[in-house]
Structure formats: C-alpha cells, structure tokens
Amino acid sequence: MDSQRPWPSLDRLGLIQAIGGLLLGLIALFSSYDHITFAGTSIQLQQQWGPLFIIASVATVFVDAELATRARDRAADEGARDRDRAARSRKRQVGRLERLHPAAVLSARVQLDPSATNRARLRAFLALIS
C-alpha cells in the first residue's frame, strides 16, 4: 500500500477519478440542472431538485473511487503475498537440491570407483538422510 497518498483513502488514480467526477458535477451544476435527459427522453425537474441529484452523483463517484482504490490495494497485497510464497518455495527447492548434491556426488564416486571406502561413505550418508 502506498504510504504517501494524495488523499487519505484514495490512491492517485482514485483521486483523478474523484476530481473528474467533481468537475463534471460542477459543469452540470453551472449549466442547466432543471431536467434530466435519458435515452432521448427529457424529464423536467423542479429547479431545487437538480443540485441534489448532482450532489448525489458526485458522492457516488467518490464512493466508487474509494472502492476502486481498495480493490487495487487488495490486488497489490495479494501479488506481494504470491511473490513471497514463490520466493519461499524457491528457497525450499534450493535447500532440497543442496541436500541432493552430496548424494549425487557420492553415488557417482561409487559408480566410477566402487571401492569399499566409497561404498561405506554412500551407505553412511544414506543412513544419515533416512
């Protein structure tokens, strides 16, 4: 999560969305707010109701911006958890390979030089592992 946010509950993208919604609301407020046009049909409003609808729509934009910010935060947190999980998995695999390496070396020694000493070393190592 970004510790230096431009607004307490909004990230940069959410703030841009909220400012855009506020600007559109101001444009609607200072132009004509005595009707609503939807799907080619104009609905007349009493002039005092227009600003209430504009304020409600701007509030909706702010809520949507905050919800989008939270969704981006959750996605970033989940991505960080996935990266941590993958790093731990790689570490475990490296540990397993490090334990496998001496066994492979001892096995190769026994195959190349099947002396009693090499066989004894391999048996001791296998007993230690199990």
N, C-alpha and C. Protein backbone atom coordinates (compact mmCIF):
# COMPACT_ATOMS: atom_id res chain seq x y z
N MET A 1 0.84 -1.17 0.00
CA MET A 1 0.00 0.00 0.00
C MET A 1 0.89 1.24 0.00
N ASP A 2 0.52 2.25 -0.76
CA ASP A 2 1.30 3.47 -0.89
C ASP A 2 1.13 4.31 0.36
N SER A 3 2.25 4.61 1.05
CA SER A 3 2.15 5.35 2.31
C SER A 3 1.95 6.84 2.08
N GLN A 4 2.35 7.36 0.93
CA GLN A 4 2.18 8.78 0.67
C GLN A 4 1.06 8.98 -0.35
N ARG A 5 -0.15 8.97 0.15
CA ARG A 5 -1.31 9.12 -0.71
C ARG A 5 -1.66 10.59 -0.83
N PRO A 6 -2.14 11.01 -2.01
CA PRO A 6 -2.53 12.40 -2.17
C PRO A 6 -3.79 12.74 -1.37
N TRP A 7 -4.60 11.76 -1.06
CA TRP A 7 -5.83 11.93 -0.28
C TRP A 7 -5.92 10.72 0.64
N PRO A 8 -6.39 10.85 1.86
CA PRO A 8 -6.28 9.75 2.83
C PRO A 8 -6.78 8.38 2.36
N SER A 9 -7.92 8.31 1.71
CA SER A 9 -8.44 6.99 1.35
C SER A 9 -8.40 6.71 -0.15
N LEU A 10 -7.75 7.56 -0.91
CA LEU A 10 -7.68 7.39 -2.37
C LEU A 10 -6.23 7.33 -2.83
N ASP A 11 -5.97 6.45 -3.77
CA ASP A 11 -4.66 6.48 -4.40
C ASP A 11 -4.69 7.51 -5.53
N ARG A 12 -3.61 7.62 -6.25
CA ARG A 12 -3.51 8.66 -7.28
C ARG A 12 -4.61 8.51 -8.34
N LEU A 13 -4.84 7.28 -8.79
CA LEU A 13 -5.86 7.04 -9.80
C LEU A 13 -7.26 7.35 -9.27
N GLY A 14 -7.52 6.98 -8.01
CA GLY A 14 -8.82 7.27 -7.40
C GLY A 14 -9.04 8.76 -7.24
N LEU A 15 -7.97 9.49 -6.90
CA LEU A 15 -8.08 10.95 -6.77
C LEU A 15 -8.40 11.58 -8.13
N ILE A 16 -7.76 11.11 -9.18
CA ILE A 16 -8.05 11.63 -10.52
C ILE A 16 -9.51 11.37 -10.88
N GLN A 17 -10.00 10.16 -10.57
CA GLN A 17 -11.40 9.83 -10.85
C GLN A 17 -12.33 10.74 -10.06
N ALA A 18 -12.03 10.97 -8.79
CA ALA A 18 -12.89 11.82 -7.95
C ALA A 18 -12.89 13.27 -8.43
N ILE A 19 -11.73 13.77 -8.80
CA ILE A 19 -11.65 15.15 -9.30
C ILE A 19 -12.42 15.27 -10.61
N GLY A 20 -12.30 14.28 -11.48
CA GLY A 20 -13.07 14.29 -12.74
C GLY A 20 -14.56 14.30 -12.48
N GLY A 21 -15.02 13.48 -11.54
CA GLY A 21 -16.44 13.45 -11.20
C GLY A 21 -16.91 14.77 -10.61
N LEU A 22 -16.06 15.38 -9.77
CA LEU A 22 -16.40 16.68 -9.19
C LEU A 22 -16.49 17.75 -10.27
N LEU A 23 -15.55 17.74 -11.22
CA LEU A 23 -15.59 18.71 -12.31
C LEU A 23 -16.84 18.54 -13.16
N LEU A 24 -17.18 17.29 -13.46
CA LEU A 24 -18.41 17.05 -14.24
C LEU A 24 -19.64 17.52 -13.46
N GLY A 25 -19.64 17.28 -12.15
CA GLY A 25 -20.76 17.76 -11.33
C GLY A 25 -20.87 19.28 -11.33
N LEU A 26 -19.72 19.96 -11.25
CA LEU A 26 -19.73 21.42 -11.29
C LEU A 26 -20.20 21.94 -12.65
N ILE A 27 -19.77 21.27 -13.71
CA ILE A 27 -20.23 21.67 -15.05
C ILE A 27 -21.74 21.51 -15.14
N ALA A 28 -22.24 20.38 -14.65
CA ALA A 28 -23.69 20.17 -14.68
C ALA A 28 -24.42 21.18 -13.81
N LEU A 29 -23.85 21.53 -12.67
CA LEU A 29 -24.48 22.47 -11.76
C LEU A 29 -24.58 23.86 -12.37
N PHE A 30 -23.50 24.28 -13.03
CA PHE A 30 -23.50 25.64 -13.57
C PHE A 30 -24.06 25.74 -14.99
N SER A 31 -24.42 24.61 -15.57
CA SER A 31 -25.14 24.69 -16.84
C SER A 31 -26.63 24.56 -16.54
N SER A 32 -27.30 23.63 -17.10
CA SER A 32 -28.73 23.50 -16.88
C SER A 32 -29.00 22.31 -15.99
N TYR A 33 -29.67 22.54 -14.85
CA TYR A 33 -30.00 21.43 -13.97
C TYR A 33 -31.49 21.38 -13.68
N ASP A 34 -32.28 21.77 -14.66
CA ASP A 34 -33.73 21.72 -14.46
C ASP A 34 -34.38 20.55 -15.20
N HIS A 35 -33.52 19.68 -15.80
CA HIS A 35 -34.07 18.49 -16.47
C HIS A 35 -32.99 17.39 -16.51
N ILE A 36 -33.46 16.18 -16.71
CA ILE A 36 -32.58 15.02 -16.91
C ILE A 36 -32.95 14.44 -18.25
N THR A 37 -31.95 14.20 -19.09
CA THR A 37 -32.19 13.57 -20.38
C THR A 37 -31.62 12.17 -20.33
N PHE A 38 -32.48 11.18 -20.58
CA PHE A 38 -32.06 9.79 -20.55
C PHE A 38 -32.71 9.06 -21.71
N ALA A 39 -31.90 8.44 -22.55
CA ALA A 39 -32.37 7.66 -23.71
C ALA A 39 -33.28 8.51 -24.59
N GLY A 40 -32.89 9.75 -24.80
CA GLY A 40 -33.65 10.63 -25.68
C GLY A 40 -34.90 11.23 -25.07
N THR A 41 -35.20 10.88 -23.82
CA THR A 41 -36.37 11.41 -23.14
C THR A 41 -35.92 12.43 -22.10
N SER A 42 -36.54 13.58 -22.12
CA SER A 42 -36.19 14.63 -21.17
C SER A 42 -37.23 14.66 -20.06
N ILE A 43 -36.76 14.60 -18.82
CA ILE A 43 -37.64 14.66 -17.66
C ILE A 43 -37.40 15.99 -16.98
N GLN A 44 -38.43 16.77 -16.86
CA GLN A 44 -38.31 18.08 -16.23
C GLN A 44 -38.25 17.92 -14.72
N LEU A 45 -37.40 18.70 -14.07
CA LEU A 45 -37.27 18.70 -12.62
C LEU A 45 -37.56 20.08 -12.08
N GLN A 46 -38.03 20.12 -10.87
CA GLN A 46 -38.11 21.42 -10.23
C GLN A 46 -36.66 21.85 -9.98
N GLN A 47 -36.39 23.11 -10.16
CA GLN A 47 -35.01 23.57 -10.16
C GLN A 47 -34.28 23.27 -8.84
N GLN A 48 -34.97 23.20 -7.73
CA GLN A 48 -34.29 22.93 -6.47
C GLN A 48 -33.87 21.46 -6.35
N TRP A 49 -34.45 20.54 -7.16
CA TRP A 49 -34.07 19.13 -7.11
C TRP A 49 -32.81 18.84 -7.91
N GLY A 50 -32.49 19.64 -8.89
CA GLY A 50 -31.32 19.42 -9.74
C GLY A 50 -30.01 19.32 -8.96
N PRO A 51 -29.73 20.30 -8.09
CA PRO A 51 -28.47 20.22 -7.32
C PRO A 51 -28.40 18.98 -6.42
N LEU A 52 -29.51 18.51 -5.90
CA LEU A 52 -29.48 17.31 -5.06
C LEU A 52 -29.05 16.09 -5.86
N PHE A 53 -29.57 15.98 -7.10
CA PHE A 53 -29.16 14.87 -7.95
C PHE A 53 -27.69 14.98 -8.32
N ILE A 54 -27.21 16.19 -8.56
CA ILE A 54 -25.80 16.40 -8.90
C ILE A 54 -24.92 16.03 -7.71
N ILE A 55 -25.29 16.47 -6.53
CA ILE A 55 -24.51 16.13 -5.33
C ILE A 55 -24.51 14.62 -5.11
N ALA A 56 -25.64 13.98 -5.30
CA ALA A 56 -25.71 12.52 -5.14
C ALA A 56 -24.81 11.82 -6.15
N SER A 57 -24.78 12.30 -7.38
CA SER A 57 -23.94 11.65 -8.39
C SER A 57 -22.45 11.87 -8.09
N VAL A 58 -22.08 13.05 -7.59
CA VAL A 58 -20.68 13.30 -7.22
C VAL A 58 -20.29 12.42 -6.03
N ALA A 59 -21.18 12.27 -5.06
CA ALA A 59 -20.90 11.39 -3.92
C ALA A 59 -20.70 9.95 -4.38
N THR A 60 -21.50 9.52 -5.36
CA THR A 60 -21.35 8.18 -5.91
C THR A 60 -20.00 8.01 -6.57
N VAL A 61 -19.52 9.03 -7.26
CA VAL A 61 -18.20 8.97 -7.90
C VAL A 61 -17.11 8.82 -6.84
N PHE A 62 -17.23 9.57 -5.73
CA PHE A 62 -16.23 9.45 -4.66
C PHE A 62 -16.23 8.05 -4.05
N VAL A 63 -17.41 7.50 -3.81
CA VAL A 63 -17.50 6.15 -3.25
C VAL A 63 -16.90 5.14 -4.21
N ASP A 64 -17.19 5.27 -5.49
CA ASP A 64 -16.65 4.36 -6.49
C ASP A 64 -15.12 4.48 -6.55
N ALA A 65 -14.60 5.69 -6.45
CA ALA A 65 -13.14 5.88 -6.47
C ALA A 65 -12.50 5.21 -5.26
N GLU A 66 -13.14 5.31 -4.11
CA GLU A 66 -12.58 4.66 -2.91
C GLU A 66 -12.63 3.14 -3.02
N LEU A 67 -13.74 2.61 -3.55
CA LEU A 67 -13.84 1.16 -3.74
C LEU A 67 -12.80 0.66 -4.74
N ALA A 68 -12.58 1.41 -5.79
CA ALA A 68 -11.57 1.02 -6.78
C ALA A 68 -10.17 1.06 -6.15
N THR A 69 -9.91 2.06 -5.30
CA THR A 69 -8.63 2.14 -4.61
C THR A 69 -8.42 0.92 -3.73
N ARG A 70 -9.45 0.55 -2.97
CA ARG A 70 -9.34 -0.63 -2.11
C ARG A 70 -9.10 -1.90 -2.92
N ALA A 71 -9.76 -2.01 -4.07
CA ALA A 71 -9.56 -3.19 -4.91
C ALA A 71 -8.12 -3.25 -5.43
N ARG A 72 -7.58 -2.10 -5.82
CA ARG A 72 -6.18 -2.08 -6.28
C ARG A 72 -5.23 -2.42 -5.14
N ASP A 73 -5.53 -1.94 -3.93
CA ASP A 73 -4.71 -2.26 -2.76
C ASP A 73 -4.73 -3.76 -2.47
N ARG A 74 -5.93 -4.36 -2.52
CA ARG A 74 -6.03 -5.81 -2.29
C ARG A 74 -5.25 -6.58 -3.34
N ALA A 75 -5.35 -6.16 -4.60
CA ALA A 75 -4.62 -6.85 -5.67
C ALA A 75 -3.11 -6.72 -5.46
N ALA A 76 -2.65 -5.56 -5.04
CA ALA A 76 -1.21 -5.37 -4.79
C ALA A 76 -0.76 -6.23 -3.61
N ASP A 77 -1.58 -6.29 -2.54
CA ASP A 77 -1.23 -7.12 -1.39
C ASP A 77 -1.18 -8.60 -1.77
N GLU A 78 -2.15 -9.02 -2.57
CA GLU A 78 -2.17 -10.42 -3.00
C GLU A 78 -0.97 -10.74 -3.89
N GLY A 79 -0.60 -9.81 -4.75
CA GLY A 79 0.59 -10.01 -5.58
C GLY A 79 1.85 -10.12 -4.74
N ALA A 80 1.94 -9.30 -3.69
CA ALA A 80 3.11 -9.38 -2.79
C ALA A 80 3.13 -10.72 -2.06
N ARG A 81 1.95 -11.18 -1.61
CA ARG A 81 1.90 -12.49 -0.94
C ARG A 81 2.31 -13.60 -1.89
N ASP A 82 1.86 -13.52 -3.15
CA ASP A 82 2.23 -14.55 -4.13
C ASP A 82 3.73 -14.54 -4.40
N ARG A 83 4.32 -13.33 -4.48
CA ARG A 83 5.77 -13.25 -4.70
C ARG A 83 6.53 -13.83 -3.50
N ASP A 84 6.06 -13.54 -2.29
CA ASP A 84 6.70 -14.09 -1.10
C ASP A 84 6.60 -15.61 -1.07
N ARG A 85 5.41 -16.11 -1.41
CA ARG A 85 5.20 -17.55 -1.43
C ARG A 85 6.12 -18.21 -2.46
N ALA A 86 6.26 -17.60 -3.63
CA ALA A 86 7.14 -18.16 -4.66
C ALA A 86 8.60 -18.12 -4.21
N ALA A 87 9.01 -17.05 -3.53
CA ALA A 87 10.39 -16.95 -3.05
C ALA A 87 10.66 -18.03 -2.00
N ARG A 88 9.70 -18.26 -1.09
CA ARG A 88 9.89 -19.32 -0.09
C ARG A 88 9.97 -20.69 -0.75
N SER A 89 9.16 -20.90 -1.78
CA SER A 89 9.18 -22.17 -2.50
C SER A 89 10.52 -22.38 -3.19
N ARG A 90 11.05 -21.32 -3.82
CA ARG A 90 12.37 -21.43 -4.46
C ARG A 90 13.45 -21.74 -3.43
N LYS A 91 13.34 -21.12 -2.25
CA LYS A 91 14.32 -21.37 -1.19
C LYS A 91 14.29 -22.83 -0.76
N ARG A 92 13.06 -23.36 -0.60
CA ARG A 92 12.94 -24.77 -0.21
C ARG A 92 13.54 -25.68 -1.27
N GLN A 93 13.29 -25.36 -2.55
CA GLN A 93 13.83 -26.19 -3.63
C GLN A 93 15.35 -26.15 -3.64
N VAL A 94 15.91 -24.97 -3.40
CA VAL A 94 17.36 -24.86 -3.34
C VAL A 94 17.90 -25.70 -2.19
N GLY A 95 17.22 -25.66 -1.05
CA GLY A 95 17.63 -26.47 0.09
C GLY A 95 17.60 -27.95 -0.23
N ARG A 96 16.58 -28.38 -0.92
CA ARG A 96 16.48 -29.80 -1.32
C ARG A 96 17.59 -30.17 -2.28
N LEU A 97 17.87 -29.28 -3.22
CA LEU A 97 18.95 -29.55 -4.17
C LEU A 97 20.30 -29.59 -3.47
N GLU A 98 20.48 -28.74 -2.46
CA GLU A 98 21.73 -28.76 -1.71
C GLU A 98 21.90 -30.08 -0.96
N ARG A 99 20.82 -30.66 -0.48
CA ARG A 99 20.91 -31.96 0.18
C ARG A 99 21.10 -33.08 -0.83
N LEU A 100 20.59 -32.91 -2.03
CA LEU A 100 20.69 -33.94 -3.06
C LEU A 100 22.08 -33.97 -3.67
N HIS A 101 22.75 -32.84 -3.72
CA HIS A 101 24.06 -32.75 -4.35
C HIS A 101 25.09 -33.72 -3.75
N PRO A 102 25.27 -33.77 -2.41
CA PRO A 102 26.25 -34.72 -1.87
C PRO A 102 25.90 -36.18 -2.18
N ALA A 103 24.61 -36.49 -2.21
CA ALA A 103 24.20 -37.86 -2.53
C ALA A 103 24.57 -38.21 -3.96
N ALA A 104 24.37 -37.26 -4.86
CA ALA A 104 24.72 -37.49 -6.26
C ALA A 104 26.23 -37.66 -6.42
N VAL A 105 26.99 -36.85 -5.70
CA VAL A 105 28.46 -36.94 -5.78
C VAL A 105 28.93 -38.30 -5.25
N LEU A 106 28.40 -38.71 -4.09
CA LEU A 106 28.80 -40.00 -3.52
C LEU A 106 28.39 -41.16 -4.43
N SER A 107 27.20 -41.06 -5.01
CA SER A 107 26.74 -42.11 -5.91
C SER A 107 27.64 -42.19 -7.14
N ALA A 108 28.02 -41.05 -7.66
CA ALA A 108 28.91 -41.03 -8.82
C ALA A 108 30.27 -41.62 -8.45
N ARG A 109 30.76 -41.31 -7.26
CA ARG A 109 32.06 -41.89 -6.84
C ARG A 109 31.99 -43.41 -6.79
N VAL A 110 30.87 -43.94 -6.24
CA VAL A 110 30.73 -45.39 -6.14
C VAL A 110 30.65 -46.00 -7.53
N GLN A 111 29.98 -45.33 -8.46
CA GLN A 111 29.86 -45.88 -9.82
C GLN A 111 31.19 -45.81 -10.56
N LEU A 112 31.94 -44.72 -10.36
CA LEU A 112 33.23 -44.59 -11.05
C LEU A 112 34.32 -45.42 -10.37
N ASP A 113 34.30 -45.46 -9.06
CA ASP A 113 35.31 -46.20 -8.30
C ASP A 113 34.59 -46.97 -7.19
N PRO A 114 34.17 -48.19 -7.48
CA PRO A 114 33.38 -48.94 -6.50
C PRO A 114 34.24 -49.53 -5.38
N SER A 115 35.04 -48.70 -4.77
CA SER A 115 35.89 -49.19 -3.67
C SER A 115 35.06 -49.32 -2.40
N ALA A 116 35.60 -50.02 -1.45
CA ALA A 116 34.90 -50.24 -0.18
C ALA A 116 34.73 -48.92 0.56
N THR A 117 35.70 -48.04 0.44
CA THR A 117 35.62 -46.75 1.13
C THR A 117 34.47 -45.91 0.58
N ASN A 118 34.35 -45.83 -0.75
CA ASN A 118 33.26 -45.04 -1.36
C ASN A 118 31.90 -45.64 -1.04
N ARG A 119 31.81 -46.98 -1.07
CA ARG A 119 30.53 -47.61 -0.73
C ARG A 119 30.16 -47.35 0.73
N ALA A 120 31.12 -47.37 1.60
CA ALA A 120 30.88 -47.10 3.02
C ALA A 120 30.43 -45.66 3.23
N ARG A 121 31.06 -44.74 2.52
CA ARG A 121 30.65 -43.33 2.62
C ARG A 121 29.20 -43.15 2.16
N LEU A 122 28.86 -43.78 1.02
CA LEU A 122 27.50 -43.67 0.49
C LEU A 122 26.49 -44.27 1.47
N ARG A 123 26.81 -45.46 2.02
CA ARG A 123 25.90 -46.09 3.00
C ARG A 123 25.72 -45.20 4.23
N ALA A 124 26.79 -44.62 4.70
CA ALA A 124 26.71 -43.75 5.89
C ALA A 124 25.86 -42.51 5.59
N PHE A 125 26.05 -41.95 4.41
CA PHE A 125 25.28 -40.76 4.03
C PHE A 125 23.80 -41.12 3.91
N LEU A 126 23.48 -42.25 3.25
CA LEU A 126 22.08 -42.65 3.10
C LEU A 126 21.45 -42.95 4.46
N ALA A 127 22.22 -43.52 5.36
CA ALA A 127 21.70 -43.79 6.71
C ALA A 127 21.43 -42.46 7.43
N LEU A 128 22.29 -41.50 7.22
CA LEU A 128 22.13 -40.19 7.85
C LEU A 128 20.88 -39.49 7.32
N ILE A 129 20.62 -39.58 6.02
CA ILE A 129 19.46 -38.93 5.41
C ILE A 129 18.16 -39.56 5.90
N SER A 130 18.15 -40.90 5.94
CA SER A 130 16.91 -41.56 6.34
C SER A 130 16.81 -41.59 7.85
